[in-house]
C-alpha atoms as a PDB file:
ATOM      1  CA  UNK A   1      -9.753  64.195  38.933  1.00  0.00           C
ATOM      2  CA  UNK A   2     -11.429  62.614  42.124  1.00  0.00           C
ATOM      3  CA  UNK A   3      -9.158  61.039  44.659  1.00  0.00           C
ATOM      4  CA  UNK A   4      -9.604  57.273  44.588  1.00  0.00           C
ATOM      5  CA  UNK A   5     -11.026  55.774  47.870  1.00  0.00           C
ATOM      6  CA  UNK A   6      -8.622  54.103  50.143  1.00  0.00           C
ATOM      7  CA  UNK A   7     -10.678  51.088  51.517  1.00  0.00           C
ATOM      8  CA  UNK A   8      -7.816  49.911  53.863  1.00  0.00           C
ATOM      9  CA  UNK A   9      -8.128  53.316  55.627  1.00  0.00           C
ATOM     10  CA  UNK A  10     -11.962  53.081  55.933  1.00  0.00           C
ATOM     11  CA  UNK A  11     -11.498  49.390  57.299  1.00  0.00           C
ATOM     12  CA  UNK A  12      -9.050  50.798  59.834  1.00  0.00           C
ATOM     13  CA  UNK A  13     -11.571  53.392  60.814  1.00  0.00           C
ATOM     14  CA  UNK A  14     -14.177  50.850  61.181  1.00  0.00           C
ATOM     15  CA  UNK A  15     -11.987  48.726  63.299  1.00  0.00           C
ATOM     16  CA  UNK A  16     -11.256  51.722  65.636  1.00  0.00           C
ATOM     17  CA  UNK A  17     -14.956  52.430  65.987  1.00  0.00           C
ATOM     18  CA  UNK A  18     -15.782  48.972  66.869  1.00  0.00           C
ATOM     19  CA  UNK A  19     -12.882  49.026  69.335  1.00  0.00           C
ATOM     20  CA  UNK A  20     -14.428  51.862  71.029  1.00  0.00           C
ATOM     21  CA  UNK A  21     -17.866  50.369  71.040  1.00  0.00           C
ATOM     22  CA  UNK A  22     -16.370  47.051  72.639  1.00  0.00           C
ATOM     23  CA  UNK A  23     -14.614  49.377  75.321  1.00  0.00           C
ATOM     24  CA  UNK A  24     -17.773  50.898  76.373  1.00  0.00           C
ATOM     25  CA  UNK A  25     -19.602  47.536  76.423  1.00  0.00           C
ATOM     26  CA  UNK A  26     -16.973  46.000  78.620  1.00  0.00           C
ATOM     27  CA  UNK A  27     -17.023  48.924  80.838  1.00  0.00           C
ATOM     28  CA  UNK A  28     -20.652  48.896  81.293  1.00  0.00           C
ATOM     29  CA  UNK A  29     -22.379  45.705  79.800  1.00  0.00           C
ATOM     30  CA  UNK A  30     -22.299  41.925  80.037  1.00  0.00           C
ATOM     31  CA  UNK A  31     -20.440  41.276  76.768  1.00  0.00           C
ATOM     32  CA  UNK A  32     -17.252  40.042  78.656  1.00  0.00           C
ATOM     33  CA  UNK A  33     -19.079  37.065  80.109  1.00  0.00           C
ATOM     34  CA  UNK A  34     -20.071  36.044  76.557  1.00  0.00           C
ATOM     35  CA  UNK A  35     -16.570  35.948  75.119  1.00  0.00           C
ATOM     36  CA  UNK A  36     -14.395  35.058  78.143  1.00  0.00           C
ATOM     37  CA  UNK A  37     -11.450  34.003  75.862  1.00  0.00           C
ATOM     38  CA  UNK A  38     -10.452  37.268  74.508  1.00  0.00           C
ATOM     39  CA  UNK A  39      -8.063  39.250  76.336  1.00  0.00           C
ATOM     40  CA  UNK A  40      -9.172  41.980  78.457  1.00  0.00           C
ATOM     41  CA  UNK A  41      -6.446  44.349  77.760  1.00  0.00           C
ATOM     42  CA  UNK A  42      -7.701  44.210  73.984  1.00  0.00           C
ATOM     43  CA  UNK A  43     -10.882  46.118  75.133  1.00  0.00           C
ATOM     44  CA  UNK A  44      -9.443  48.117  78.027  1.00  0.00           C
ATOM     45  CA  UNK A  45      -7.423  50.247  75.589  1.00  0.00           C
ATOM     46  CA  UNK A  46     -10.577  50.941  73.386  1.00  0.00           C
ATOM     47  CA  UNK A  47     -10.324  54.674  74.187  1.00  0.00           C
ATOM     48  CA  UNK A  48      -7.647  54.950  71.738  1.00  0.00           C
ATOM     49  CA  UNK A  49      -9.735  54.087  69.000  1.00  0.00           C
ATOM     50  CA  UNK A  50     -10.837  57.695  69.022  1.00  0.00           C
ATOM     51  CA  UNK A  51      -7.632  59.251  68.611  1.00  0.00           C
ATOM     52  CA  UNK A  52      -6.897  56.587  65.856  1.00  0.00           C
ATOM     53  CA  UNK A  53     -10.334  57.299  64.188  1.00  0.00           C
ATOM     54  CA  UNK A  54      -9.780  61.135  64.118  1.00  0.00           C
ATOM     55  CA  UNK A  55      -6.175  60.825  62.899  1.00  0.00           C
ATOM     56  CA  UNK A  56      -7.372  58.524  60.008  1.00  0.00           C
ATOM     57  CA  UNK A  57     -10.446  60.798  59.292  1.00  0.00           C
ATOM     58  CA  UNK A  58      -8.237  63.861  59.090  1.00  0.00           C
ATOM     59  CA  UNK A  59      -5.992  62.182  56.770  1.00  0.00           C
ATOM     60  CA  UNK A  60      -8.853  61.313  54.665  1.00  0.00           C
ATOM     61  CA  UNK A  61     -10.360  64.649  54.444  1.00  0.00           C
ATOM     62  CA  UNK A  62      -6.943  66.290  53.700  1.00  0.00           C
ATOM     63  CA  UNK A  63      -6.537  63.713  50.977  1.00  0.00           C
ATOM     64  CA  UNK A  64      -9.998  64.261  49.570  1.00  0.00           C
ATOM     65  CA  UNK A  65      -9.319  68.031  49.135  1.00  0.00           C
ATOM     66  CA  UNK A  66      -6.272  67.159  47.158  1.00  0.00           C
ATOM     67  CA  UNK A  67      -4.740  69.937  45.115  1.00  0.00           C
ATOM     68  CA  UNK A  68      -8.080  72.231  45.134  1.00  0.00           C
ATOM     69  CA  UNK A  69      -7.532  75.892  45.915  1.00  0.00           C
ATOM     70  CA  UNK A  70      -8.839  76.551  49.291  1.00  0.00           C
ATOM     71  CA  UNK A  71     -10.880  79.860  49.164  1.00  0.00           C
ATOM     72  CA  UNK A  72     -14.088  80.793  50.348  1.00  0.00           C
ATOM     73  CA  UNK A  73     -16.312  79.185  47.811  1.00  0.00           C
ATOM     74  CA  UNK A  74     -14.445  75.765  47.839  1.00  0.00           C
ATOM     75  CA  UNK A  75     -14.609  76.039  51.824  1.00  0.00           C
ATOM     76  CA  UNK A  76     -18.227  76.703  51.769  1.00  0.00           C
ATOM     77  CA  UNK A  77     -18.868  73.874  49.240  1.00  0.00           C
ATOM     78  CA  UNK A  78     -17.001  71.501  51.505  1.00  0.00           C
ATOM     79  CA  UNK A  79     -18.959  72.673  54.510  1.00  0.00           C
ATOM     80  CA  UNK A  80     -22.289  72.133  52.925  1.00  0.00           C
ATOM     81  CA  UNK A  81     -21.300  68.800  51.661  1.00  0.00           C
ATOM     82  CA  UNK A  82     -20.217  67.724  55.300  1.00  0.00           C
ATOM     83  CA  UNK A  83     -23.522  69.123  56.768  1.00  0.00           C
ATOM     84  CA  UNK A  84     -25.668  67.399  54.416  1.00  0.00           C
ATOM     85  CA  UNK A  85     -24.036  64.161  55.039  1.00  0.00           C
ATOM     86  CA  UNK A  86     -23.631  64.383  58.886  1.00  0.00           C
ATOM     87  CA  UNK A  87     -26.523  66.404  60.071  1.00  0.00           C
ATOM     88  CA  UNK A  88     -29.594  64.150  59.250  1.00  0.00           C
ATOM     89  CA  UNK A  89     -27.925  61.045  61.133  1.00  0.00           C
ATOM     90  CA  UNK A  90     -27.093  63.319  63.920  1.00  0.00           C
ATOM     91  CA  UNK A  91     -30.408  64.715  64.392  1.00  0.00           C
ATOM     92  CA  UNK A  92     -32.176  61.218  63.736  1.00  0.00           C
ATOM     93  CA  UNK A  93     -29.842  59.671  66.699  1.00  0.00           C
ATOM     94  CA  UNK A  94     -30.860  62.556  68.794  1.00  0.00           C
ATOM     95  CA  UNK A  95     -34.511  61.903  68.140  1.00  0.00           C
ATOM     96  CA  UNK A  96     -34.176  58.189  68.736  1.00  0.00           C
ATOM     97  CA  UNK A  97     -32.486  58.850  72.046  1.00  0.00           C
ATOM     98  CA  UNK A  98     -34.936  61.385  73.164  1.00  0.00           C
ATOM     99  CA  UNK A  99     -37.888  59.126  72.398  1.00  0.00           C
ATOM    100  CA  UNK A 100     -36.226  56.142  74.097  1.00  0.00           C
ATOM    101  CA  UNK A 101     -35.535  58.305  77.188  1.00  0.00           C
ATOM    102  CA  UNK A 102     -39.195  59.544  77.215  1.00  0.00           C
ATOM    103  CA  UNK A 103     -40.540  55.949  76.902  1.00  0.00           C
ATOM    104  CA  UNK A 104     -38.175  54.858  79.775  1.00  0.00           C
ATOM    105  CA  UNK A 105     -39.264  57.809  81.885  1.00  0.00           C
ATOM    106  CA  UNK A 106     -43.124  57.048  81.578  1.00  0.00           C
ATOM    107  CA  UNK A 107     -44.472  56.456  84.946  1.00  0.00           C
ATOM    108  CA  UNK A 108     -45.543  52.876  85.500  1.00  0.00           C
ATOM    109  CA  UNK A 109     -48.472  51.704  87.589  1.00  0.00           C
ATOM    110  CA  UNK A 110     -47.430  51.121  91.172  1.00  0.00           C
ATOM    111  CA  UNK A 111     -47.674  47.386  92.233  1.00  0.00           C
ATOM    112  CA  UNK A 112     -49.214  46.857  95.492  1.00  0.00           C
ATOM    113  CA  UNK A 113     -46.836  45.682  98.119  1.00  0.00           C
ATOM    114  CA  UNK A 114     -47.819  43.057 100.421  1.00  0.00           C
ATOM    115  CA  UNK A 115     -47.670  43.626 104.126  1.00  0.00           C
ATOM    116  CA  UNK A 116     -45.089  41.594 105.755  1.00  0.00           C
ATOM    117  CA  UNK A 117     -46.232  38.480 107.609  1.00  0.00           C
ATOM    118  CA  UNK A 118     -45.830  39.057 111.444  1.00  0.00           C
ATOM    119  CA  UNK A 119     -43.293  36.490 113.048  1.00  0.00           C
ATOM    120  CA  UNK A 120     -44.920  35.035 116.270  1.00  0.00           C
END
């Protein structure tokens, strides 16, 4: 029997993920000026979202295995399912970042610099 999905755990993992994104945005971006009424400490501790996400994910993975016998064949099936699920978005994101970097690194045409006007 398949384990029933724990939507509240998925929601907590989503909140942890958003917390990490906001942590990075506040550290490196202009988001803080857009929402000045939110306490800054809420975002400064966003790095804890990583630990929360991994702890919850470990729980979900362990629960999804349930009472299965853990032998070579079940481990292999588990790894294949994980690879099929995780590798395509992983490689897609790498391709997007590489293409973005290539476009940003493209040399631009030099703009002519005007000579300074002499002060007399």
